[in-house]
Structures are given as structure tokens and as C-alpha cells.
Amino acid sequence: MPLINNKQIAFDNGQVTLDEWLVERLRDKLAKTSLLAGKLSHPIQLYRKTMEESEQSAEEEIATICKDFIIVQVIVYGGFIPPSFQQQYIFTPDKFASWVMHRSRELVMQCLENIEEFSQKS
């Protein structure tokens, strides 16, 4: 059983940081989820983050997983603004796990929670 101390986890074969452990856990969950997503007719949402919001419009970042890839899109919509994609990123599950950890541990946790929630529904 791992011992968590000062953001490090001691295993029988050495120590890894908590962040490394989270990235590995996310990679494992993404690999399993991509197999499930390949059987569905729609992608699975990993996270949705409002980046900017005004009274009538919003800018959101949405990450979804489909069969082999994770797509991150920044979408602007609302008011007099027609919905549009401002940015799109495409990742393999392995690259996404590292990228999202560099962005925010909160986003990693949201991904893990959404994957777990989806798994329980399936």
C-alpha cells in the first residue's frame, strides 16, 4: 500500500511524485475510456471549463474523447455572436495526460471524476 507523504508516494520499487502518479492514473483511465468511446456514436466529455463569461456570451473550453484521440476545443457563443471554434487541439491519450497536468491539477481531477461517472453509467 502506498504511503503518501509531502506530495510523494513511496512504493516498493521507489518513489514517484503525486503528480506523476495522477498522470499515470489518468493515462490508464483514458486508454480504457477510449476503447469504450470507440463503441459509441458520440464522444465522451472529459471536462468543460468556462474561460470567460459576460451577460450574453461565453467562451468555454471543452475536452472530449473519441476512439483514438482527445479533442480540446475553445468555443465562443451567445448574444449576437454566432457559435464558433476559436481553437482546437488534438492529442493522443498519452500526450493529453501530460498536457492537462501542466495546465491544472483541477482539470485532471475533473477528467478522472467524469470518466468514473461515465463508467458507472455504462
C-alpha atoms as a PDB file:
ATOM      1  CA  MET A   1       0.000   0.000   0.000  1.00  0.00           C
ATOM      2  CA  PRO A   2       1.420   3.387  -0.960  1.00  0.00           C
ATOM      3  CA  LEU A   3       2.456   5.879   1.685  1.00  0.00           C
ATOM      4  CA  ILE A   4       1.631   9.478   0.775  1.00  0.00           C
ATOM      5  CA  ASN A   5       3.973  11.979   2.350  1.00  0.00           C
ATOM      6  CA  ASN A   6       4.778  15.513   1.218  1.00  0.00           C
ATOM      7  CA  LYS A   7       3.430  15.010  -2.321  1.00  0.00           C
ATOM      8  CA  GLN A   8       5.431  11.813  -2.799  1.00  0.00           C
ATOM      9  CA  ILE A   9       4.250   8.247  -2.800  1.00  0.00           C
ATOM     10  CA  ALA A  10       6.599   5.506  -1.635  1.00  0.00           C
ATOM     11  CA  PHE A  11       6.200   2.196  -3.458  1.00  0.00           C
ATOM     12  CA  ASP A  12       8.267  -0.948  -3.052  1.00  0.00           C
ATOM     13  CA  ASN A  13      10.220  -0.044  -6.200  1.00  0.00           C
ATOM     14  CA  GLY A  14      10.942   3.604  -5.311  1.00  0.00           C
ATOM     15  CA  GLN A  15       9.194   6.935  -5.083  1.00  0.00           C
ATOM     16  CA  VAL A  16       7.161   8.984  -7.528  1.00  0.00           C
ATOM     17  CA  THR A  17       5.590  12.369  -7.069  1.00  0.00           C
ATOM     18  CA  LEU A  18       1.859  12.674  -6.576  1.00  0.00           C
ATOM     19  CA  ASP A  19       1.613  14.496  -9.916  1.00  0.00           C
ATOM     20  CA  GLU A  20       3.358  11.619 -11.733  1.00  0.00           C
ATOM     21  CA  TRP A  21       1.002   9.153 -10.077  1.00  0.00           C
ATOM     22  CA  LEU A  22      -2.029  11.215 -11.131  1.00  0.00           C
ATOM     23  CA  VAL A  23      -0.773  11.423 -14.728  1.00  0.00           C
ATOM     24  CA  GLU A  24      -0.259   7.651 -14.852  1.00  0.00           C
ATOM     25  CA  ARG A  25      -3.699   7.033 -13.372  1.00  0.00           C
ATOM     26  CA  LEU A  26      -5.243   9.402 -15.929  1.00  0.00           C
ATOM     27  CA  ARG A  27      -3.355   7.701 -18.792  1.00  0.00           C
ATOM     28  CA  ASP A  28      -4.691   4.329 -17.697  1.00  0.00           C
ATOM     29  CA  LYS A  29      -8.272   5.610 -17.413  1.00  0.00           C
ATOM     30  CA  LEU A  30      -8.020   7.392 -20.791  1.00  0.00           C
ATOM     31  CA  ALA A  31      -6.831   4.223 -22.506  1.00  0.00           C
ATOM     32  CA  LYS A  32      -9.805   2.276 -21.140  1.00  0.00           C
ATOM     33  CA  THR A  33     -12.248   5.092 -21.899  1.00  0.00           C
ATOM     34  CA  SER A  34     -11.019   5.415 -25.492  1.00  0.00           C
ATOM     35  CA  LEU A  35     -11.961   1.770 -26.053  1.00  0.00           C
ATOM     36  CA  LEU A  36     -15.475   2.491 -24.763  1.00  0.00           C
ATOM     37  CA  ALA A  37     -15.714   5.690 -26.807  1.00  0.00           C
ATOM     38  CA  GLY A  38     -14.863   3.730 -29.952  1.00  0.00           C
ATOM     39  CA  LYS A  39     -18.049   1.696 -29.477  1.00  0.00           C
ATOM     40  CA  LEU A  40     -20.274   4.759 -29.050  1.00  0.00           C
ATOM     41  CA  SER A  41     -21.743   7.044 -31.688  1.00  0.00           C
ATOM     42  CA  HIS A  42     -20.723  10.164 -29.711  1.00  0.00           C
ATOM     43  CA  PRO A  43     -17.639  11.387 -27.846  1.00  0.00           C
ATOM     44  CA  ILE A  44     -17.323  11.334 -24.056  1.00  0.00           C
ATOM     45  CA  GLN A  45     -16.846  14.664 -22.279  1.00  0.00           C
ATOM     46  CA  LEU A  46     -13.741  14.820 -20.087  1.00  0.00           C
ATOM     47  CA  TYR A  47     -14.150  18.375 -18.871  1.00  0.00           C
ATOM     48  CA  ARG A  48     -15.906  21.629 -19.620  1.00  0.00           C
ATOM     49  CA  LYS A  49     -14.425  24.887 -18.342  1.00  0.00           C
ATOM     50  CA  THR A  50     -15.881  28.372 -18.699  1.00  0.00           C
ATOM     51  CA  MET A  51     -12.994  30.654 -19.552  1.00  0.00           C
ATOM     52  CA  GLU A  52     -14.853  33.912 -19.920  1.00  0.00           C
ATOM     53  CA  GLU A  53     -18.478  34.851 -19.451  1.00  0.00           C
ATOM     54  CA  SER A  54     -20.480  38.023 -19.884  1.00  0.00           C
ATOM     55  CA  GLU A  55     -24.205  38.651 -19.608  1.00  0.00           C
ATOM     56  CA  GLN A  56     -24.906  37.464 -23.129  1.00  0.00           C
ATOM     57  CA  SER A  57     -21.921  35.433 -24.319  1.00  0.00           C
ATOM     58  CA  ALA A  58     -19.421  32.864 -23.126  1.00  0.00           C
ATOM     59  CA  GLU A  59     -16.113  31.277 -24.023  1.00  0.00           C
ATOM     60  CA  GLU A  60     -15.693  27.654 -22.991  1.00  0.00           C
ATOM     61  CA  GLU A  61     -13.021  25.031 -23.296  1.00  0.00           C
ATOM     62  CA  ILE A  62     -14.381  21.520 -23.793  1.00  0.00           C
ATOM     63  CA  ALA A  63     -12.342  18.312 -23.874  1.00  0.00           C
ATOM     64  CA  THR A  64     -13.854  15.142 -25.318  1.00  0.00           C
ATOM     65  CA  ILE A  65     -12.501  11.696 -26.030  1.00  0.00           C
ATOM     66  CA  CYS A  66     -13.393   9.607 -29.042  1.00  0.00           C
ATOM     67  CA  LYS A  67     -11.871   6.351 -30.257  1.00  0.00           C
ATOM     68  CA  ASP A  68      -8.189   7.262 -30.613  1.00  0.00           C
ATOM     69  CA  PHE A  69      -7.971  10.946 -29.830  1.00  0.00           C
ATOM     70  CA  ILE A  70      -8.829  13.634 -27.333  1.00  0.00           C
ATOM     71  CA  ILE A  71     -10.089  16.876 -28.784  1.00  0.00           C
ATOM     72  CA  VAL A  72      -9.911  20.141 -26.858  1.00  0.00           C
ATOM     73  CA  GLN A  73     -11.967  22.971 -28.340  1.00  0.00           C
ATOM     74  CA  VAL A  74     -12.371  26.585 -27.307  1.00  0.00           C
ATOM     75  CA  ILE A  75     -15.883  27.689 -28.293  1.00  0.00           C
ATOM     76  CA  VAL A  76     -17.393  31.181 -28.215  1.00  0.00           C
ATOM     77  CA  TYR A  77     -21.189  31.586 -28.310  1.00  0.00           C
ATOM     78  CA  GLY A  78     -24.166  33.631 -27.180  1.00  0.00           C
ATOM     79  CA  GLY A  79     -25.760  37.008 -27.743  1.00  0.00           C
ATOM     80  CA  PHE A  80     -25.070  38.325 -31.212  1.00  0.00           C
ATOM     81  CA  ILE A  81     -22.010  36.097 -31.594  1.00  0.00           C
ATOM     82  CA  PRO A  82     -22.609  33.051 -33.786  1.00  0.00           C
ATOM     83  CA  PRO A  83     -21.104  29.922 -32.223  1.00  0.00           C
ATOM     84  CA  SER A  84     -17.540  29.469 -33.406  1.00  0.00           C
ATOM     85  CA  PHE A  85     -14.469  27.397 -32.630  1.00  0.00           C
ATOM     86  CA  GLN A  86     -11.597  29.660 -31.643  1.00  0.00           C
ATOM     87  CA  GLN A  87      -9.033  26.898 -31.101  1.00  0.00           C
ATOM     88  CA  GLN A  88      -8.820  23.142 -31.470  1.00  0.00           C
ATOM     89  CA  TYR A  89      -6.171  20.774 -30.175  1.00  0.00           C
ATOM     90  CA  ILE A  90      -5.943  17.071 -30.906  1.00  0.00           C
ATOM     91  CA  PHE A  91      -4.000  14.750 -28.604  1.00  0.00           C
ATOM     92  CA  THR A  92      -3.315  11.089 -28.139  1.00  0.00           C
ATOM     93  CA  PRO A  93      -4.404   9.941 -24.659  1.00  0.00           C
ATOM     94  CA  ASP A  94      -0.751   9.744 -23.568  1.00  0.00           C
ATOM     95  CA  LYS A  95       0.123  13.296 -24.668  1.00  0.00           C
ATOM     96  CA  PHE A  96      -3.140  14.706 -23.281  1.00  0.00           C
ATOM     97  CA  ALA A  97      -2.452  13.402 -19.769  1.00  0.00           C
ATOM     98  CA  SER A  98       0.843  15.305 -19.577  1.00  0.00           C
ATOM     99  CA  TRP A  99      -0.613  18.414 -21.237  1.00  0.00           C
ATOM    100  CA  VAL A 100      -3.615  18.663 -18.928  1.00  0.00           C
ATOM    101  CA  MET A 101      -1.448  18.136 -15.817  1.00  0.00           C
ATOM    102  CA  HIS A 102       0.706  21.093 -16.864  1.00  0.00           C
ATOM    103  CA  ARG A 103      -2.475  23.155 -17.224  1.00  0.00           C
ATOM    104  CA  SER A 104      -4.111  22.346 -13.910  1.00  0.00           C
ATOM    105  CA  ARG A 105      -4.447  19.573 -11.359  1.00  0.00           C
ATOM    106  CA  GLU A 106      -8.101  20.644 -11.027  1.00  0.00           C
ATOM    107  CA  LEU A 107      -8.709  19.722 -14.691  1.00  0.00           C
ATOM    108  CA  VAL A 108      -7.047  16.341 -14.143  1.00  0.00           C
ATOM    109  CA  MET A 109      -9.363  15.675 -11.223  1.00  0.00           C
ATOM    110  CA  GLN A 110     -12.378  16.759 -13.271  1.00  0.00           C
ATOM    111  CA  CYS A 111     -11.347  14.359 -16.057  1.00  0.00           C
ATOM    112  CA  LEU A 112     -10.989  11.490 -13.595  1.00  0.00           C
ATOM    113  CA  GLU A 113     -14.362  12.268 -11.996  1.00  0.00           C
ATOM    114  CA  ASN A 114     -16.142  12.460 -15.370  1.00  0.00           C
ATOM    115  CA  ILE A 115     -14.555   9.203 -16.534  1.00  0.00           C
ATOM    116  CA  GLU A 116     -15.579   7.499 -13.298  1.00  0.00           C
ATOM    117  CA  GLU A 117     -19.125   8.862 -13.592  1.00  0.00           C
ATOM    118  CA  PHE A 118     -19.370   7.682 -17.195  1.00  0.00           C
ATOM    119  CA  SER A 119     -18.037   4.231 -16.261  1.00  0.00           C
ATOM    120  CA  GLN A 120     -20.667   3.846 -13.566  1.00  0.00           C
ATOM    121  CA  LYS A 121     -23.444   4.688 -16.052  1.00  0.00           C
ATOM    122  CA  SER A 122     -22.201   2.175 -18.630  1.00  0.00           C
END
